[in-house]
Amino acid sequence: LQESVPDWIEAVRAVVDDYADASVELAADFYDAARVAARVTGWFTVPLVGPPPAEKTESSLRWATKDVWPREREQA
């Protein structure tokens, strides 16, 4: 089971990245629509951010599954 951890982390990271991209786009669209609805004038571009860094996602996944798979001591 331990051998499956890297593949599992990579698969979940891909899903996290996809959802991050989608949520950024939806949030920007919502903000733009709110500005239009409020009749805000002027030009503004919503800054878009990317998904979380890969190492942040991996460390969160390892923390969340610490009781599922045995881990090396330094990863604890």
PDB file of N, CA and C in Angstrom:
ATOM      1  N   LEU A   1       0.822  -1.199   0.000  1.00  0.00           N
ATOM      2  CA  LEU A   1       0.000   0.000   0.000  1.00  0.00           C
ATOM      3  C   LEU A   1       0.864   1.260   0.000  1.00  0.00           C
ATOM      4  N   GLN A   2       1.971   1.228   0.703  1.00  0.00           N
ATOM      5  CA  GLN A   2       2.872   2.381   0.776  1.00  0.00           C
ATOM      6  C   GLN A   2       3.360   2.801  -0.613  1.00  0.00           C
ATOM      7  N   GLU A   3       3.530   1.842  -1.499  1.00  0.00           N
ATOM      8  CA  GLU A   3       4.021   2.157  -2.843  1.00  0.00           C
ATOM      9  C   GLU A   3       3.029   3.006  -3.633  1.00  0.00           C
ATOM     10  N   SER A   4       1.763   2.962  -3.260  1.00  0.00           N
ATOM     11  CA  SER A   4       0.741   3.713  -4.000  1.00  0.00           C
ATOM     12  C   SER A   4       0.672   5.185  -3.602  1.00  0.00           C
ATOM     13  N   VAL A   5       1.337   5.572  -2.525  1.00  0.00           N
ATOM     14  CA  VAL A   5       1.238   6.947  -2.032  1.00  0.00           C
ATOM     15  C   VAL A   5       1.666   7.984  -3.075  1.00  0.00           C
ATOM     16  N   PRO A   6       2.830   7.860  -3.716  1.00  0.00           N
ATOM     17  CA  PRO A   6       3.203   8.893  -4.701  1.00  0.00           C
ATOM     18  C   PRO A   6       2.191   9.040  -5.843  1.00  0.00           C
ATOM     19  N   ASP A   7       1.676   7.924  -6.347  1.00  0.00           N
ATOM     20  CA  ASP A   7       0.680   7.993  -7.422  1.00  0.00           C
ATOM     21  C   ASP A   7      -0.609   8.641  -6.931  1.00  0.00           C
ATOM     22  N   TRP A   8      -1.010   8.296  -5.715  1.00  0.00           N
ATOM     23  CA  TRP A   8      -2.219   8.861  -5.134  1.00  0.00           C
ATOM     24  C   TRP A   8      -2.063  10.369  -4.931  1.00  0.00           C
ATOM     25  N   ILE A   9      -0.921  10.779  -4.404  1.00  0.00           N
ATOM     26  CA  ILE A   9      -0.675  12.209  -4.191  1.00  0.00           C
ATOM     27  C   ILE A   9      -0.717  12.953  -5.519  1.00  0.00           C
ATOM     28  N   GLU A  10      -0.105  12.408  -6.537  1.00  0.00           N
ATOM     29  CA  GLU A  10      -0.099  13.057  -7.851  1.00  0.00           C
ATOM     30  C   GLU A  10      -1.513  13.169  -8.416  1.00  0.00           C
ATOM     31  N   ALA A  11      -2.312  12.133  -8.258  1.00  0.00           N
ATOM     32  CA  ALA A  11      -3.688  12.161  -8.765  1.00  0.00           C
ATOM     33  C   ALA A  11      -4.529  13.201  -8.024  1.00  0.00           C
ATOM     34  N   VAL A  12      -4.419  13.229  -6.712  1.00  0.00           N
ATOM     35  CA  VAL A  12      -5.188  14.206  -5.935  1.00  0.00           C
ATOM     36  C   VAL A  12      -4.703  15.620  -6.229  1.00  0.00           C
ATOM     37  N   ARG A  13      -3.400  15.787  -6.380  1.00  0.00           N
ATOM     38  CA  ARG A  13      -2.859  17.115  -6.699  1.00  0.00           C
ATOM     39  C   ARG A  13      -3.436  17.619  -8.028  1.00  0.00           C
ATOM     40  N   ALA A  14      -3.597  16.742  -9.002  1.00  0.00           N
ATOM     41  CA  ALA A  14      -4.189  17.136 -10.285  1.00  0.00           C
ATOM     42  C   ALA A  14      -5.637  17.593 -10.096  1.00  0.00           C
ATOM     43  N   VAL A  15      -6.379  16.895  -9.247  1.00  0.00           N
ATOM     44  CA  VAL A  15      -7.764  17.290  -8.965  1.00  0.00           C
ATOM     45  C   VAL A  15      -7.794  18.635  -8.242  1.00  0.00           C
ATOM     46  N   VAL A  16      -6.924  18.812  -7.253  1.00  0.00           N
ATOM     47  CA  VAL A  16      -6.847  20.085  -6.527  1.00  0.00           C
ATOM     48  C   VAL A  16      -6.530  21.222  -7.492  1.00  0.00           C
ATOM     49  N   ASP A  17      -5.584  21.010  -8.382  1.00  0.00           N
ATOM     50  CA  ASP A  17      -5.220  22.038  -9.359  1.00  0.00           C
ATOM     51  C   ASP A  17      -6.407  22.397 -10.257  1.00  0.00           C
ATOM     52  N   ASP A  18      -7.145  21.384 -10.716  1.00  0.00           N
ATOM     53  CA  ASP A  18      -8.312  21.639 -11.568  1.00  0.00           C
ATOM     54  C   ASP A  18      -9.374  22.448 -10.824  1.00  0.00           C
ATOM     55  N   TYR A  19      -9.663  22.054  -9.581  1.00  0.00           N
ATOM     56  CA  TYR A  19     -10.656  22.782  -8.800  1.00  0.00           C
ATOM     57  C   TYR A  19     -10.176  24.188  -8.455  1.00  0.00           C
ATOM     58  N   ALA A  20      -8.894  24.352  -8.205  1.00  0.00           N
ATOM     59  CA  ALA A  20      -8.352  25.686  -7.922  1.00  0.00           C
ATOM     60  C   ALA A  20      -8.531  26.587  -9.132  1.00  0.00           C
ATOM     61  N   ASP A  21      -8.198  26.090 -10.309  1.00  0.00           N
ATOM     62  CA  ASP A  21      -8.361  26.884 -11.532  1.00  0.00           C
ATOM     63  C   ASP A  21      -9.825  27.268 -11.750  1.00  0.00           C
ATOM     64  N   ALA A  22     -10.714  26.311 -11.558  1.00  0.00           N
ATOM     65  CA  ALA A  22     -12.141  26.578 -11.759  1.00  0.00           C
ATOM     66  C   ALA A  22     -12.665  27.587 -10.743  1.00  0.00           C
ATOM     67  N   SER A  23     -12.262  27.454  -9.487  1.00  0.00           N
ATOM     68  CA  SER A  23     -12.769  28.369  -8.465  1.00  0.00           C
ATOM     69  C   SER A  23     -12.246  29.782  -8.670  1.00  0.00           C
ATOM     70  N   VAL A  24     -11.020  29.912  -9.151  1.00  0.00           N
ATOM     71  CA  VAL A  24     -10.475  31.238  -9.442  1.00  0.00           C
ATOM     72  C   VAL A  24     -11.289  31.906 -10.548  1.00  0.00           C
ATOM     73  N   GLU A  25     -11.584  31.169 -11.593  1.00  0.00           N
ATOM     74  CA  GLU A  25     -12.371  31.722 -12.697  1.00  0.00           C
ATOM     75  C   GLU A  25     -13.778  32.110 -12.244  1.00  0.00           C
ATOM     76  N   LEU A  26     -14.411  31.244 -11.460  1.00  0.00           N
ATOM     77  CA  LEU A  26     -15.756  31.546 -10.972  1.00  0.00           C
ATOM     78  C   LEU A  26     -15.759  32.768 -10.059  1.00  0.00           C
ATOM     79  N   ALA A  27     -14.778  32.866  -9.182  1.00  0.00           N
ATOM     80  CA  ALA A  27     -14.698  34.015  -8.277  1.00  0.00           C
ATOM     81  C   ALA A  27     -14.485  35.308  -9.054  1.00  0.00           C
ATOM     82  N   ALA A  28     -13.628  35.277 -10.050  1.00  0.00           N
ATOM     83  CA  ALA A  28     -13.382  36.471 -10.867  1.00  0.00           C
ATOM     84  C   ALA A  28     -14.647  36.869 -11.629  1.00  0.00           C
ATOM     85  N   ASP A  29     -15.347  35.892 -12.189  1.00  0.00           N
ATOM     86  CA  ASP A  29     -16.597  36.187 -12.900  1.00  0.00           C
ATOM     87  C   ASP A  29     -17.641  36.780 -11.951  1.00  0.00           C
ATOM     88  N   PHE A  30     -17.740  36.221 -10.750  1.00  0.00           N
ATOM     89  CA  PHE A  30     -18.689  36.730  -9.763  1.00  0.00           C
ATOM     90  C   PHE A  30     -18.355  38.169  -9.390  1.00  0.00           C
ATOM     91  N   TYR A  31     -17.082  38.444  -9.165  1.00  0.00           N
ATOM     92  CA  TYR A  31     -16.657  39.796  -8.808  1.00  0.00           C
ATOM     93  C   TYR A  31     -16.967  40.773  -9.943  1.00  0.00           C
ATOM     94  N   ASP A  32     -16.651  40.380 -11.157  1.00  0.00           N
ATOM     95  CA  ASP A  32     -16.953  41.239 -12.304  1.00  0.00           C
ATOM     96  C   ASP A  32     -18.457  41.512 -12.402  1.00  0.00           C
ATOM     97  N   ALA A  33     -19.277  40.489 -12.200  1.00  0.00           N
ATOM     98  CA  ALA A  33     -20.731  40.654 -12.258  1.00  0.00           C
ATOM     99  C   ALA A  33     -21.224  41.555 -11.129  1.00  0.00           C
ATOM    100  N   ALA A  34     -20.633  41.436  -9.955  1.00  0.00           N
ATOM    101  CA  ALA A  34     -21.019  42.289  -8.829  1.00  0.00           C
ATOM    102  C   ALA A  34     -20.696  43.749  -9.120  1.00  0.00           C
ATOM    103  N   ARG A  35     -19.575  43.995  -9.763  1.00  0.00           N
ATOM    104  CA  ARG A  35     -19.214  45.375 -10.139  1.00  0.00           C
ATOM    105  C   ARG A  35     -20.218  45.939 -11.142  1.00  0.00           C
ATOM    106  N   VAL A  36     -20.601  45.123 -12.104  1.00  0.00           N
ATOM    107  CA  VAL A  36     -21.587  45.567 -13.097  1.00  0.00           C
ATOM    108  C   VAL A  36     -22.923  45.852 -12.410  1.00  0.00           C
ATOM    109  N   ALA A  37     -23.359  44.937 -11.540  1.00  0.00           N
ATOM    110  CA  ALA A  37     -24.634  45.107 -10.840  1.00  0.00           C
ATOM    111  C   ALA A  37     -24.633  46.357  -9.960  1.00  0.00           C
ATOM    112  N   ALA A  38     -23.483  46.689  -9.396  1.00  0.00           N
ATOM    113  CA  ALA A  38     -23.373  47.871  -8.541  1.00  0.00           C
ATOM    114  C   ALA A  38     -23.110  49.143  -9.345  1.00  0.00           C
ATOM    115  N   ARG A  39     -23.032  48.987 -10.654  1.00  0.00           N
ATOM    116  CA  ARG A  39     -22.763  50.102 -11.573  1.00  0.00           C
ATOM    117  C   ARG A  39     -21.460  50.826 -11.229  1.00  0.00           C
ATOM    118  N   VAL A  40     -20.472  50.052 -10.876  1.00  0.00           N
ATOM    119  CA  VAL A  40     -19.150  50.613 -10.593  1.00  0.00           C
ATOM    120  C   VAL A  40     -18.509  50.988 -11.921  1.00  0.00           C
ATOM    121  N   THR A  41     -17.995  52.194 -11.981  1.00  0.00           N
ATOM    122  CA  THR A  41     -17.338  52.637 -13.207  1.00  0.00           C
ATOM    123  C   THR A  41     -15.832  52.460 -13.066  1.00  0.00           C
ATOM    124  N   GLY A  42     -15.168  52.557 -14.155  1.00  0.00           N
ATOM    125  CA  GLY A  42     -13.714  52.411 -14.135  1.00  0.00           C
ATOM    126  C   GLY A  42     -13.302  51.017 -14.555  1.00  0.00           C
ATOM    127  N   TRP A  43     -12.042  50.891 -14.779  1.00  0.00           N
ATOM    128  CA  TRP A  43     -11.482  49.650 -15.283  1.00  0.00           C
ATOM    129  C   TRP A  43     -10.774  48.921 -14.155  1.00  0.00           C
ATOM    130  N   PHE A  44     -11.035  47.637 -14.019  1.00  0.00           N
ATOM    131  CA  PHE A  44     -10.353  46.822 -13.018  1.00  0.00           C
ATOM    132  C   PHE A  44     -10.225  45.415 -13.569  1.00  0.00           C
ATOM    133  N   THR A  45      -9.057  44.860 -13.435  1.00  0.00           N
ATOM    134  CA  THR A  45      -8.832  43.479 -13.835  1.00  0.00           C
ATOM    135  C   THR A  45      -8.601  42.655 -12.580  1.00  0.00           C
ATOM    136  N   VAL A  46      -9.406  41.635 -12.417  1.00  0.00           N
ATOM    137  CA  VAL A  46      -9.255  40.760 -11.259  1.00  0.00           C
ATOM    138  C   VAL A  46      -7.967  39.965 -11.418  1.00  0.00           C
ATOM    139  N   PRO A  47      -7.046  40.070 -10.437  1.00  0.00           N
ATOM    140  CA  PRO A  47      -5.821  39.276 -10.540  1.00  0.00           C
ATOM    141  C   PRO A  47      -6.130  37.796 -10.293  1.00  0.00           C
ATOM    142  N   LEU A  48      -5.670  36.953 -11.175  1.00  0.00           N
ATOM    143  CA  LEU A  48      -5.904  35.516 -11.042  1.00  0.00           C
ATOM    144  C   LEU A  48      -4.674  34.858 -10.433  1.00  0.00           C
ATOM    145  N   VAL A  49      -4.907  33.972  -9.513  1.00  0.00           N
ATOM    146  CA  VAL A  49      -3.808  33.230  -8.894  1.00  0.00           C
ATOM    147  C   VAL A  49      -3.882  31.787  -9.347  1.00  0.00           C
ATOM    148  N   GLY A  50      -2.777  31.113  -9.245  1.00  0.00           N
ATOM    149  CA  GLY A  50      -2.724  29.715  -9.639  1.00  0.00           C
ATOM    150  C   GLY A  50      -3.078  28.797  -8.487  1.00  0.00           C
ATOM    151  N   PRO A  51      -2.988  27.508  -8.726  1.00  0.00           N
ATOM    152  CA  PRO A  51      -3.255  26.531  -7.670  1.00  0.00           C
ATOM    153  C   PRO A  51      -2.181  26.613  -6.588  1.00  0.00           C
ATOM    154  N   PRO A  52      -2.431  25.988  -5.447  1.00  0.00           N
ATOM    155  CA  PRO A  52      -1.420  26.019  -4.387  1.00  0.00           C
ATOM    156  C   PRO A  52      -0.141  25.319  -4.845  1.00  0.00           C
ATOM    157  N   PRO A  53       0.994  25.698  -4.254  1.00  0.00           N
ATOM    158  CA  PRO A  53       2.249  25.029  -4.617  1.00  0.00           C
ATOM    159  C   PRO A  53       2.152  23.518  -4.369  1.00  0.00           C
ATOM    160  N   ALA A  54       2.798  22.755  -5.219  1.00  0.00           N
ATOM    161  CA  ALA A  54       2.736  21.289  -5.127  1.00  0.00           C
ATOM    162  C   ALA A  54       3.167  20.787  -3.758  1.00  0.00           C
ATOM    163  N   GLU A  55       4.218  21.387  -3.192  1.00  0.00           N
ATOM    164  CA  GLU A  55       4.696  20.916  -1.886  1.00  0.00           C
ATOM    165  C   GLU A  55       3.685  21.206  -0.777  1.00  0.00           C
ATOM    166  N   LYS A  56       2.917  22.273  -0.901  1.00  0.00           N
ATOM    167  CA  LYS A  56       1.878  22.591   0.083  1.00  0.00           C
ATOM    168  C   LYS A  56       0.756  21.558   0.005  1.00  0.00           C
ATOM    169  N   THR A  57       0.338  21.236  -1.206  1.00  0.00           N
ATOM    170  CA  THR A  57      -0.700  20.224  -1.382  1.00  0.00           C
ATOM    171  C   THR A  57      -0.228  18.877  -0.853  1.00  0.00           C
ATOM    172  N   GLU A  58       1.002  18.506  -1.195  1.00  0.00           N
ATOM    173  CA  GLU A  58       1.526  17.217  -0.739  1.00  0.00           C
ATOM    174  C   GLU A  58       1.599  17.152   0.779  1.00  0.00           C
ATOM    175  N   SER A  59       2.091  18.204   1.420  1.00  0.00           N
ATOM    176  CA  SER A  59       2.207  18.161   2.880  1.00  0.00           C
ATOM    177  C   SER A  59       0.827  18.109   3.527  1.00  0.00           C
ATOM    178  N   SER A  60      -0.157  18.792   2.948  1.00  0.00           N
ATOM    179  CA  SER A  60      -1.519  18.730   3.480  1.00  0.00           C
ATOM    180  C   SER A  60      -2.107  17.330   3.325  1.00  0.00           C
ATOM    181  N   LEU A  61      -1.866  16.708   2.178  1.00  0.00           N
ATOM    182  CA  LEU A  61      -2.366  15.348   1.967  1.00  0.00           C
ATOM    183  C   LEU A  61      -1.702  14.360   2.915  1.00  0.00           C
ATOM    184  N   ARG A  62      -0.409  14.505   3.108  1.00  0.00           N
ATOM    185  CA  ARG A  62       0.292  13.602   4.029  1.00  0.00           C
ATOM    186  C   ARG A  62      -0.224  13.788   5.456  1.00  0.00           C
ATOM    187  N   TRP A  63      -0.481  15.045   5.843  1.00  0.00           N
ATOM    188  CA  TRP A  63      -1.016  15.301   7.179  1.00  0.00           C
ATOM    189  C   TRP A  63      -2.409  14.681   7.316  1.00  0.00           C
ATOM    190  N   ALA A  64      -3.264  14.892   6.317  1.00  0.00           N
ATOM    191  CA  ALA A  64      -4.645  14.419   6.386  1.00  0.00           C
ATOM    192  C   ALA A  64      -4.747  12.896   6.396  1.00  0.00           C
ATOM    193  N   THR A  65      -3.746  12.222   5.856  1.00  0.00           N
ATOM    194  CA  THR A  65      -3.797  10.758   5.772  1.00  0.00           C
ATOM    195  C   THR A  65      -2.755  10.095   6.664  1.00  0.00           C
ATOM    196  N   LYS A  66      -2.290  10.817   7.661  1.00  0.00           N
ATOM    197  CA  LYS A  66      -1.206  10.290   8.500  1.00  0.00           C
ATOM    198  C   LYS A  66      -1.552   8.965   9.175  1.00  0.00           C
ATOM    199  N   ASP A  67      -2.837   8.713   9.395  1.00  0.00           N
ATOM    200  CA  ASP A  67      -3.238   7.459  10.029  1.00  0.00           C
ATOM    201  C   ASP A  67      -3.601   6.370   9.023  1.00  0.00           C
ATOM    202  N   VAL A  68      -3.572   6.698   7.739  1.00  0.00           N
ATOM    203  CA  VAL A  68      -3.941   5.728   6.709  1.00  0.00           C
ATOM    204  C   VAL A  68      -2.725   4.939   6.246  1.00  0.00           C
ATOM    205  N   TRP A  69      -1.641   5.661   5.918  1.00  0.00           N
ATOM    206  CA  TRP A  69      -0.424   5.029   5.450  1.00  0.00           C
ATOM    207  C   TRP A  69       0.698   5.284   6.441  1.00  0.00           C
ATOM    208  N   PRO A  70       1.526   4.274   6.681  1.00  0.00           N
ATOM    209  CA  PRO A  70       2.692   4.528   7.532  1.00  0.00           C
ATOM    210  C   PRO A  70       3.618   5.529   6.842  1.00  0.00           C
ATOM    211  N   ARG A  71       4.280   6.376   7.642  1.00  0.00           N
ATOM    212  CA  ARG A  71       5.159   7.408   7.081  1.00  0.00           C
ATOM    213  C   ARG A  71       6.538   7.310   7.711  1.00  0.00           C
ATOM    214  N   GLU A  72       7.480   7.873   6.986  1.00  0.00           N
ATOM    215  CA  GLU A  72       8.822   7.988   7.538  1.00  0.00           C
ATOM    216  C   GLU A  72       8.787   8.993   8.678  1.00  0.00           C
ATOM    217  N   ARG A  73       9.671   8.855   9.633  1.00  0.00           N
ATOM    218  CA  ARG A  73       9.690   9.727  10.810  1.00  0.00           C
ATOM    219  C   ARG A  73       9.824  11.206  10.428  1.00  0.00           C
ATOM    220  N   GLU A  74      10.691  11.542   9.468  1.00  0.00           N
ATOM    221  CA  GLU A  74      10.914  12.938   9.093  1.00  0.00           C
ATOM    222  C   GLU A  74       9.716  13.554   8.370  1.00  0.00           C
ATOM    223  N   GLN A  75       8.768  12.756   7.912  1.00  0.00           N
ATOM    224  CA  GLN A  75       7.577  13.279   7.253  1.00  0.00           C
ATOM    225  C   GLN A  75       6.454  13.550   8.240  1.00  0.00           C
ATOM    226  N   ALA A  76       6.633  13.163   9.481  1.00  0.00           N
ATOM    227  CA  ALA A  76       5.573  13.301  10.485  1.00  0.00           C
ATOM    228  C   ALA A  76       5.255  14.702  10.852  1.00  0.00           C
TER     229      ALA A  76
END
